[in-house]
Amino acid sequence: MTEREQTAREWREAVEREDVVLLDGFHALKHALRFGARVVAAVADEPEAVRALAAELAPDVEADVVRLVRGADLRTLLTRIHPTGVAALAVRPDRAEGRARLERMPRSAPVVVLDNPRNLGNVGAVVRLAAGFGATGVVTRGDLDPWHPNVVRAGAGLHYATTVDRVEIETLPHGPVYALDPEGEDIRALTLPDDALLAFGSERHGISPELRARADHLVSLPMRPQVSSYNLATSVAMTLFHWGGPHPGGPHPGTA
């Protein structure tokens, strides 16, 4: 058995594990490594090209990429190959530890609540925003799995930079609920506290009646008349920006 065949065999064994998620592409692998993911397999058609990417774009994790990435024929392992030509499998974070982080008070940053979201890509974009702004976490209500491979792909591996989980109305983390709703108070007149739950409705129907009833405050975003709505991720970005984002001494702006 060749080295590539052995690598492919180990990948197929690892992908059957229930506790692993697919990291699709170099940026997902880079982010996951930066934030402590335990990567159990990483494969590339051209490992040297991926190592060169690491040296150029992410020297902070270059040693890990060199150690992990092994050659394999991706066409035999994946139905869709990322343009960067690399994929990895990482262990999903411990759910109990994540829940404890969500519940820990006082919080230094809000939790984003997505109420029955429907679009996987939108949820991934929200995770990416939450990671960038330093939010405590992203929780979803409904049947969408926030760790679905398409969500992780859209989030560029930044699930490992925040806490991501699915909850019920009864198990929402502690804190005042600020629900985004067209009938709410203009967000520009409000100060959003660090321990807030910032709740956003589904792309089509908005906040559900049960979460609306649970809300402590209804909040609206400024919008031109006759414009029906913003994209979900855009609404989250506007709200987190209003909250304040990374504070002095915290994360610095980046391009990746």
C-alpha atoms as a PDB file:
ATOM      1  CA  MET A   1       0.000   0.000   0.000  1.00  0.00           C
ATOM      2  CA  THR A   2       1.384   3.389  -1.015  1.00  0.00           C
ATOM      3  CA  GLU A   3       1.544   6.353   1.353  1.00  0.00           C
ATOM      4  CA  ARG A   4      -1.329   8.052  -0.488  1.00  0.00           C
ATOM      5  CA  GLU A   5      -3.446   4.922  -0.280  1.00  0.00           C
ATOM      6  CA  GLN A   6      -2.745   4.650   3.446  1.00  0.00           C
ATOM      7  CA  THR A   7      -3.706   8.309   3.912  1.00  0.00           C
ATOM      8  CA  ALA A   8      -6.938   7.768   2.002  1.00  0.00           C
ATOM      9  CA  ARG A   9      -7.754   4.753   4.157  1.00  0.00           C
ATOM     10  CA  GLU A  10      -7.186   6.705   7.365  1.00  0.00           C
ATOM     11  CA  TRP A  11      -9.378   9.550   6.031  1.00  0.00           C
ATOM     12  CA  ARG A  12     -12.263   7.188   5.253  1.00  0.00           C
ATOM     13  CA  GLU A  13     -12.029   5.720   8.741  1.00  0.00           C
ATOM     14  CA  ALA A  14     -11.959   9.147  10.387  1.00  0.00           C
ATOM     15  CA  VAL A  15     -14.842  10.567   8.354  1.00  0.00           C
ATOM     16  CA  GLU A  16     -17.154   7.910   9.813  1.00  0.00           C
ATOM     17  CA  ARG A  17     -16.725   9.314  13.304  1.00  0.00           C
ATOM     18  CA  GLU A  18     -19.749  11.188  14.653  1.00  0.00           C
ATOM     19  CA  ASP A  19     -17.605  13.724  16.493  1.00  0.00           C
ATOM     20  CA  VAL A  20     -15.696  15.131  13.498  1.00  0.00           C
ATOM     21  CA  VAL A  21     -16.547  17.923  11.078  1.00  0.00           C
ATOM     22  CA  LEU A  22     -15.198  18.687   7.617  1.00  0.00           C
ATOM     23  CA  LEU A  23     -12.936  21.702   7.193  1.00  0.00           C
ATOM     24  CA  ASP A  24     -13.210  22.584   3.527  1.00  0.00           C
ATOM     25  CA  GLY A  25     -10.257  24.547   2.184  1.00  0.00           C
ATOM     26  CA  PHE A  26      -7.137  26.220   3.516  1.00  0.00           C
ATOM     27  CA  HIS A  27      -8.824  29.126   5.298  1.00  0.00           C
ATOM     28  CA  ALA A  28     -11.090  26.793   7.283  1.00  0.00           C
ATOM     29  CA  LEU A  29      -8.073  24.705   8.291  1.00  0.00           C
ATOM     30  CA  LYS A  30      -6.055  27.816   9.175  1.00  0.00           C
ATOM     31  CA  HIS A  31      -8.776  29.294  11.375  1.00  0.00           C
ATOM     32  CA  ALA A  32      -9.524  26.020  13.104  1.00  0.00           C
ATOM     33  CA  LEU A  33      -5.859  25.529  13.971  1.00  0.00           C
ATOM     34  CA  ARG A  34      -5.544  29.098  15.247  1.00  0.00           C
ATOM     35  CA  PHE A  35      -8.382  28.534  17.674  1.00  0.00           C
ATOM     36  CA  GLY A  36      -7.322  25.196  19.046  1.00  0.00           C
ATOM     37  CA  ALA A  37      -9.154  22.607  16.931  1.00  0.00           C
ATOM     38  CA  ARG A  38      -7.907  19.045  17.179  1.00  0.00           C
ATOM     39  CA  VAL A  39      -7.364  18.063  13.551  1.00  0.00           C
ATOM     40  CA  VAL A  40      -7.327  14.300  13.037  1.00  0.00           C
ATOM     41  CA  ALA A  41      -6.678  14.244   9.280  1.00  0.00           C
ATOM     42  CA  ALA A  42      -5.692  16.704   6.553  1.00  0.00           C
ATOM     43  CA  VAL A  43      -5.286  15.840   2.884  1.00  0.00           C
ATOM     44  CA  ALA A  44      -4.251  17.645  -0.282  1.00  0.00           C
ATOM     45  CA  ASP A  45      -3.551  16.796  -3.898  1.00  0.00           C
ATOM     46  CA  GLU A  46      -0.360  18.855  -3.663  1.00  0.00           C
ATOM     47  CA  PRO A  47       0.789  19.132  -0.044  1.00  0.00           C
ATOM     48  CA  GLU A  48       3.751  21.355  -0.933  1.00  0.00           C
ATOM     49  CA  ALA A  49       1.403  23.942  -2.458  1.00  0.00           C
ATOM     50  CA  VAL A  50      -0.649  23.995   0.740  1.00  0.00           C
ATOM     51  CA  ARG A  51       2.486  24.365   2.837  1.00  0.00           C
ATOM     52  CA  ALA A  52       3.492  27.301   0.663  1.00  0.00           C
ATOM     53  CA  LEU A  53       0.086  28.875   1.304  1.00  0.00           C
ATOM     54  CA  ALA A  54       0.650  28.494   5.024  1.00  0.00           C
ATOM     55  CA  ALA A  55       4.063  30.131   4.808  1.00  0.00           C
ATOM     56  CA  GLU A  56       2.579  33.056   2.883  1.00  0.00           C
ATOM     57  CA  LEU A  57      -0.805  33.545   4.571  1.00  0.00           C
ATOM     58  CA  ALA A  58      -0.597  31.967   8.016  1.00  0.00           C
ATOM     59  CA  PRO A  59       2.974  31.563   9.283  1.00  0.00           C
ATOM     60  CA  ASP A  60       1.576  31.288  12.820  1.00  0.00           C
ATOM     61  CA  VAL A  61       0.187  27.832  11.985  1.00  0.00           C
ATOM     62  CA  GLU A  62       2.698  26.853   9.291  1.00  0.00           C
ATOM     63  CA  ALA A  63       4.366  24.236  11.490  1.00  0.00           C
ATOM     64  CA  ASP A  64       1.005  22.577  12.173  1.00  0.00           C
ATOM     65  CA  VAL A  65       0.106  22.562   8.470  1.00  0.00           C
ATOM     66  CA  VAL A  66       3.472  21.017   7.551  1.00  0.00           C
ATOM     67  CA  ARG A  67       2.977  18.353  10.215  1.00  0.00           C
ATOM     68  CA  LEU A  68      -0.631  17.519   9.337  1.00  0.00           C
ATOM     69  CA  VAL A  69      -1.176  17.775   5.593  1.00  0.00           C
ATOM     70  CA  ARG A  70      -0.532  14.595   3.633  1.00  0.00           C
ATOM     71  CA  GLY A  71      -0.916  13.747  -0.016  1.00  0.00           C
ATOM     72  CA  ALA A  72      -4.061  12.043  -1.327  1.00  0.00           C
ATOM     73  CA  ASP A  73      -6.269  11.996  -4.418  1.00  0.00           C
ATOM     74  CA  LEU A  74      -9.075  14.306  -3.293  1.00  0.00           C
ATOM     75  CA  ARG A  75     -11.378  13.189  -6.109  1.00  0.00           C
ATOM     76  CA  THR A  76     -11.681   9.803  -4.417  1.00  0.00           C
ATOM     77  CA  LEU A  77     -12.465  11.295  -1.004  1.00  0.00           C
ATOM     78  CA  LEU A  78     -14.645  14.361  -1.605  1.00  0.00           C
ATOM     79  CA  THR A  79     -17.616  15.222  -3.787  1.00  0.00           C
ATOM     80  CA  ARG A  80     -16.509  18.857  -3.948  1.00  0.00           C
ATOM     81  CA  ILE A  81     -12.902  20.030  -3.950  1.00  0.00           C
ATOM     82  CA  HIS A  82     -12.084  23.483  -2.619  1.00  0.00           C
ATOM     83  CA  PRO A  83     -10.007  25.707  -4.947  1.00  0.00           C
ATOM     84  CA  THR A  84      -7.158  25.650  -2.408  1.00  0.00           C
ATOM     85  CA  GLY A  85      -6.944  21.886  -2.819  1.00  0.00           C
ATOM     86  CA  VAL A  86      -7.006  20.870   0.831  1.00  0.00           C
ATOM     87  CA  ALA A  87      -9.509  19.442   3.294  1.00  0.00           C
ATOM     88  CA  ALA A  88      -9.321  18.346   6.908  1.00  0.00           C
ATOM     89  CA  LEU A  89     -11.329  16.633   9.612  1.00  0.00           C
ATOM     90  CA  ALA A  90     -11.444  18.144  13.104  1.00  0.00           C
ATOM     91  CA  VAL A  91     -13.017  17.019  16.346  1.00  0.00           C
ATOM     92  CA  ARG A  92     -16.109  18.987  17.288  1.00  0.00           C
ATOM     93  CA  PRO A  93     -15.690  20.913  20.576  1.00  0.00           C
ATOM     94  CA  ASP A  94     -17.130  19.420  23.738  1.00  0.00           C
ATOM     95  CA  ARG A  95     -20.757  20.523  23.938  1.00  0.00           C
ATOM     96  CA  ALA A  96     -20.903  20.633  27.732  1.00  0.00           C
ATOM     97  CA  GLU A  97     -17.888  22.946  27.857  1.00  0.00           C
ATOM     98  CA  GLY A  98     -19.469  25.182  25.238  1.00  0.00           C
ATOM     99  CA  ARG A  99     -22.710  25.338  27.165  1.00  0.00           C
ATOM    100  CA  ALA A 100     -20.815  26.316  30.303  1.00  0.00           C
ATOM    101  CA  ARG A 101     -19.196  29.205  28.414  1.00  0.00           C
ATOM    102  CA  LEU A 102     -22.598  30.407  27.228  1.00  0.00           C
ATOM    103  CA  GLU A 103     -24.007  30.315  30.746  1.00  0.00           C
ATOM    104  CA  ARG A 104     -21.050  31.916  32.501  1.00  0.00           C
ATOM    105  CA  MET A 105     -21.920  35.325  33.897  1.00  0.00           C
ATOM    106  CA  PRO A 106     -21.049  38.122  33.722  1.00  0.00           C
ATOM    107  CA  ARG A 107     -20.333  37.983  29.993  1.00  0.00           C
ATOM    108  CA  SER A 108     -18.014  40.373  28.192  1.00  0.00           C
ATOM    109  CA  ALA A 109     -19.829  40.027  24.857  1.00  0.00           C
ATOM    110  CA  PRO A 110     -23.355  39.157  23.673  1.00  0.00           C
ATOM    111  CA  VAL A 111     -24.705  35.844  22.427  1.00  0.00           C
ATOM    112  CA  VAL A 112     -26.319  35.864  18.980  1.00  0.00           C
ATOM    113  CA  VAL A 113     -29.602  33.922  18.823  1.00  0.00           C
ATOM    114  CA  LEU A 114     -30.900  32.796  15.422  1.00  0.00           C
ATOM    115  CA  ASP A 115     -34.580  31.918  15.647  1.00  0.00           C
ATOM    116  CA  ASN A 116     -35.374  29.103  13.198  1.00  0.00           C
ATOM    117  CA  PRO A 117     -32.932  30.114  10.435  1.00  0.00           C
ATOM    118  CA  ARG A 118     -33.349  28.331   7.096  1.00  0.00           C
ATOM    119  CA  ASN A 119     -30.280  29.178   5.011  1.00  0.00           C
ATOM    120  CA  LEU A 120     -27.103  27.266   5.841  1.00  0.00           C
ATOM    121  CA  GLY A 121     -24.838  29.825   4.221  1.00  0.00           C
ATOM    122  CA  ASN A 122     -26.396  32.670   6.207  1.00  0.00           C
ATOM    123  CA  VAL A 123     -25.782  30.837   9.474  1.00  0.00           C
ATOM    124  CA  GLY A 124     -22.152  30.265   8.528  1.00  0.00           C
ATOM    125  CA  ALA A 125     -21.765  33.951   7.703  1.00  0.00           C
ATOM    126  CA  VAL A 126     -23.197  34.829  11.127  1.00  0.00           C
ATOM    127  CA  VAL A 127     -20.691  32.521  12.842  1.00  0.00           C
ATOM    128  CA  ARG A 128     -17.903  34.278  10.955  1.00  0.00           C
ATOM    129  CA  LEU A 129     -19.228  37.662  12.079  1.00  0.00           C
ATOM    130  CA  ALA A 130     -19.576  36.514  15.681  1.00  0.00           C
ATOM    131  CA  ALA A 131     -15.990  35.299  15.679  1.00  0.00           C
ATOM    132  CA  GLY A 132     -14.749  38.555  14.209  1.00  0.00           C
ATOM    133  CA  PHE A 133     -16.628  40.727  16.698  1.00  0.00           C
ATOM    134  CA  GLY A 134     -15.694  38.528  19.628  1.00  0.00           C
ATOM    135  CA  ALA A 135     -19.261  37.511  20.483  1.00  0.00           C
ATOM    136  CA  THR A 136     -19.610  34.885  23.192  1.00  0.00           C
ATOM    137  CA  GLY A 137     -21.421  32.532  20.836  1.00  0.00           C
ATOM    138  CA  VAL A 138     -24.093  31.780  18.268  1.00  0.00           C
ATOM    139  CA  VAL A 139     -27.078  29.631  19.194  1.00  0.00           C
ATOM    140  CA  THR A 140     -29.890  28.517  16.909  1.00  0.00           C
ATOM    141  CA  ARG A 141     -33.470  27.428  17.512  1.00  0.00           C
ATOM    142  CA  GLY A 142     -35.185  25.045  15.122  1.00  0.00           C
ATOM    143  CA  ASP A 143     -34.194  22.022  13.107  1.00  0.00           C
ATOM    144  CA  LEU A 144     -31.175  23.469  11.283  1.00  0.00           C
ATOM    145  CA  ASP A 145     -27.889  22.015  12.534  1.00  0.00           C
ATOM    146  CA  PRO A 146     -25.434  24.906  13.091  1.00  0.00           C
ATOM    147  CA  TRP A 147     -22.594  22.384  12.655  1.00  0.00           C
ATOM    148  CA  HIS A 148     -23.829  21.206   9.248  1.00  0.00           C
ATOM    149  CA  PRO A 149     -20.874  20.915   6.815  1.00  0.00           C
ATOM    150  CA  ASN A 150     -22.278  23.736   4.676  1.00  0.00           C
ATOM    151  CA  VAL A 151     -22.498  26.005   7.716  1.00  0.00           C
ATOM    152  CA  VAL A 152     -18.912  25.187   8.707  1.00  0.00           C
ATOM    153  CA  ARG A 153     -17.828  25.853   5.112  1.00  0.00           C
ATOM    154  CA  ALA A 154     -19.527  29.266   5.065  1.00  0.00           C
ATOM    155  CA  GLY A 155     -18.048  30.029   8.472  1.00  0.00           C
ATOM    156  CA  ALA A 156     -14.506  29.368   7.186  1.00  0.00           C
ATOM    157  CA  GLY A 157     -13.655  27.195  10.188  1.00  0.00           C
ATOM    158  CA  LEU A 158     -14.454  29.958  12.695  1.00  0.00           C
ATOM    159  CA  HIS A 159     -16.848  27.732  14.640  1.00  0.00           C
ATOM    160  CA  TYR A 160     -13.725  27.069  16.735  1.00  0.00           C
ATOM    161  CA  ALA A 161     -13.314  30.784  17.522  1.00  0.00           C
ATOM    162  CA  THR A 162     -16.654  31.099  19.304  1.00  0.00           C
ATOM    163  CA  THR A 163     -19.299  28.805  20.811  1.00  0.00           C
ATOM    164  CA  VAL A 164     -21.900  27.372  18.435  1.00  0.00           C
ATOM    165  CA  ASP A 165     -24.855  25.290  19.598  1.00  0.00           C
ATOM    166  CA  ARG A 166     -28.542  24.582  19.119  1.00  0.00           C
ATOM    167  CA  VAL A 167     -30.980  25.384  21.956  1.00  0.00           C
ATOM    168  CA  GLU A 168     -34.661  25.439  22.851  1.00  0.00           C
ATOM    169  CA  ILE A 169     -36.587  28.424  24.163  1.00  0.00           C
ATOM    170  CA  GLU A 170     -36.366  26.941  27.653  1.00  0.00           C
ATOM    171  CA  THR A 171     -32.587  26.521  27.447  1.00  0.00           C
ATOM    172  CA  LEU A 172     -31.586  29.948  26.147  1.00  0.00           C
ATOM    173  CA  PRO A 173     -28.521  31.282  27.955  1.00  0.00           C
ATOM    174  CA  HIS A 174     -29.111  33.809  30.727  1.00  0.00           C
ATOM    175  CA  GLY A 175     -29.372  37.474  29.889  1.00  0.00           C
ATOM    176  CA  PRO A 176     -31.815  40.101  28.594  1.00  0.00           C
ATOM    177  CA  VAL A 177     -33.224  39.311  25.153  1.00  0.00           C
ATOM    178  CA  TYR A 178     -33.024  42.090  22.573  1.00  0.00           C
ATOM    179  CA  ALA A 179     -35.110  40.843  19.646  1.00  0.00           C
ATOM    180  CA  LEU A 180     -34.794  42.495  16.251  1.00  0.00           C
ATOM    181  CA  ASP A 181     -38.261  43.452  15.017  1.00  0.00           C
ATOM    182  CA  PRO A 182     -39.553  46.198  12.683  1.00  0.00           C
ATOM    183  CA  GLU A 183     -41.863  47.422  15.465  1.00  0.00           C
ATOM    184  CA  GLY A 184     -39.053  47.804  17.962  1.00  0.00           C
ATOM    185  CA  GLU A 185     -37.220  50.859  19.247  1.00  0.00           C
ATOM    186  CA  ASP A 186     -34.604  52.340  16.926  1.00  0.00           C
ATOM    187  CA  ILE A 187     -31.298  50.683  17.783  1.00  0.00           C
ATOM    188  CA  ARG A 188     -29.529  54.038  17.522  1.00  0.00           C
ATOM    189  CA  ALA A 189     -31.292  55.143  20.706  1.00  0.00           C
ATOM    190  CA  LEU A 190     -30.136  52.101  22.683  1.00  0.00           C
ATOM    191  CA  THR A 191     -27.018  50.820  24.382  1.00  0.00           C
ATOM    192  CA  LEU A 192     -26.737  47.054  24.054  1.00  0.00           C
ATOM    193  CA  PRO A 193     -25.272  45.452  27.185  1.00  0.00           C
ATOM    194  CA  ASP A 194     -22.464  42.915  27.048  1.00  0.00           C
ATOM    195  CA  ASP A 195     -24.668  40.198  28.568  1.00  0.00           C
ATOM    196  CA  ALA A 196     -27.439  40.609  25.971  1.00  0.00           C
ATOM    197  CA  LEU A 197     -28.956  37.882  23.859  1.00  0.00           C
ATOM    198  CA  LEU A 198     -29.297  39.452  20.399  1.00  0.00           C
ATOM    199  CA  ALA A 199     -32.136  37.571  18.718  1.00  0.00           C
ATOM    200  CA  PHE A 200     -32.810  37.515  14.982  1.00  0.00           C
ATOM    201  CA  GLY A 201     -35.771  35.908  13.243  1.00  0.00           C
ATOM    202  CA  SER A 202     -35.807  33.669  10.202  1.00  0.00           C
ATOM    203  CA  GLU A 203     -35.156  35.086   6.759  1.00  0.00           C
ATOM    204  CA  ARG A 204     -38.799  34.740   5.778  1.00  0.00           C
ATOM    205  CA  HIS A 205     -40.944  35.010   8.919  1.00  0.00           C
ATOM    206  CA  GLY A 206     -38.950  37.034  11.423  1.00  0.00           C
ATOM    207  CA  ILE A 207     -39.056  36.423  15.172  1.00  0.00           C
ATOM    208  CA  SER A 208     -41.358  33.607  16.261  1.00  0.00           C
ATOM    209  CA  PRO A 209     -44.256  34.413  18.639  1.00  0.00           C
ATOM    210  CA  GLU A 210     -42.685  32.414  21.474  1.00  0.00           C
ATOM    211  CA  LEU A 211     -39.353  34.223  21.259  1.00  0.00           C
ATOM    212  CA  ARG A 212     -41.091  37.567  20.844  1.00  0.00           C
ATOM    213  CA  ALA A 213     -42.969  36.846  24.073  1.00  0.00           C
ATOM    214  CA  ARG A 214     -39.665  36.006  25.767  1.00  0.00           C
ATOM    215  CA  ALA A 215     -38.014  39.254  24.610  1.00  0.00           C
ATOM    216  CA  ASP A 216     -37.190  41.992  27.103  1.00  0.00           C
ATOM    217  CA  HIS A 217     -36.727  44.569  24.346  1.00  0.00           C
ATOM    218  CA  LEU A 218     -37.776  44.845  20.694  1.00  0.00           C
ATOM    219  CA  VAL A 219     -35.175  46.577  18.546  1.00  0.00           C
ATOM    220  CA  SER A 220     -35.366  47.849  14.975  1.00  0.00           C
ATOM    221  CA  LEU A 221     -32.639  48.685  12.481  1.00  0.00           C
ATOM    222  CA  PRO A 222     -32.862  51.889  10.439  1.00  0.00           C
ATOM    223  CA  MET A 223     -34.156  51.123   6.965  1.00  0.00           C
ATOM    224  CA  ARG A 224     -35.444  53.143   4.041  1.00  0.00           C
ATOM    225  CA  PRO A 225     -39.225  52.962   3.500  1.00  0.00           C
ATOM    226  CA  GLN A 226     -40.393  50.328   0.989  1.00  0.00           C
ATOM    227  CA  VAL A 227     -37.275  48.204   1.576  1.00  0.00           C
ATOM    228  CA  SER A 228     -38.690  45.038   3.089  1.00  0.00           C
ATOM    229  CA  SER A 229     -35.727  43.607   4.996  1.00  0.00           C
ATOM    230  CA  TYR A 230     -31.984  43.103   5.298  1.00  0.00           C
ATOM    231  CA  ASN A 231     -30.116  39.871   4.797  1.00  0.00           C
ATOM    232  CA  LEU A 232     -29.768  37.987   8.089  1.00  0.00           C
ATOM    233  CA  ALA A 233     -25.990  38.266   8.240  1.00  0.00           C
ATOM    234  CA  THR A 234     -26.200  41.982   7.389  1.00  0.00           C
ATOM    235  CA  SER A 235     -28.614  42.532  10.287  1.00  0.00           C
ATOM    236  CA  VAL A 236     -26.299  40.698  12.660  1.00  0.00           C
ATOM    237  CA  ALA A 237     -23.318  42.713  11.449  1.00  0.00           C
ATOM    238  CA  MET A 238     -25.126  46.014  11.944  1.00  0.00           C
ATOM    239  CA  THR A 239     -26.245  45.025  15.438  1.00  0.00           C
ATOM    240  CA  LEU A 240     -22.848  43.770  16.577  1.00  0.00           C
ATOM    241  CA  PHE A 241     -21.223  46.901  15.176  1.00  0.00           C
ATOM    242  CA  HIS A 242     -23.660  49.015  17.178  1.00  0.00           C
ATOM    243  CA  TRP A 243     -22.852  46.971  20.295  1.00  0.00           C
ATOM    244  CA  GLY A 244     -19.224  47.931  19.880  1.00  0.00           C
ATOM    245  CA  GLY A 245     -17.165  45.010  18.618  1.00  0.00           C
ATOM    246  CA  PRO A 246     -13.656  44.305  19.877  1.00  0.00           C
ATOM    247  CA  HIS A 247     -12.632  46.755  22.573  1.00  0.00           C
ATOM    248  CA  PRO A 248      -9.239  48.453  22.976  1.00  0.00           C
ATOM    249  CA  GLY A 249      -6.678  45.835  23.839  1.00  0.00           C
ATOM    250  CA  GLY A 250      -8.825  43.110  22.246  1.00  0.00           C
ATOM    251  CA  PRO A 251      -8.667  41.533  18.793  1.00  0.00           C
ATOM    252  CA  HIS A 252      -7.168  43.616  16.017  1.00  0.00           C
ATOM    253  CA  PRO A 253      -8.726  44.057  12.587  1.00  0.00           C
ATOM    254  CA  GLY A 254      -7.614  41.539   9.998  1.00  0.00           C
ATOM    255  CA  THR A 255      -8.107  40.683   6.370  1.00  0.00           C
ATOM    256  CA  ALA A 256      -8.485  36.909   6.635  1.00  0.00           C
END
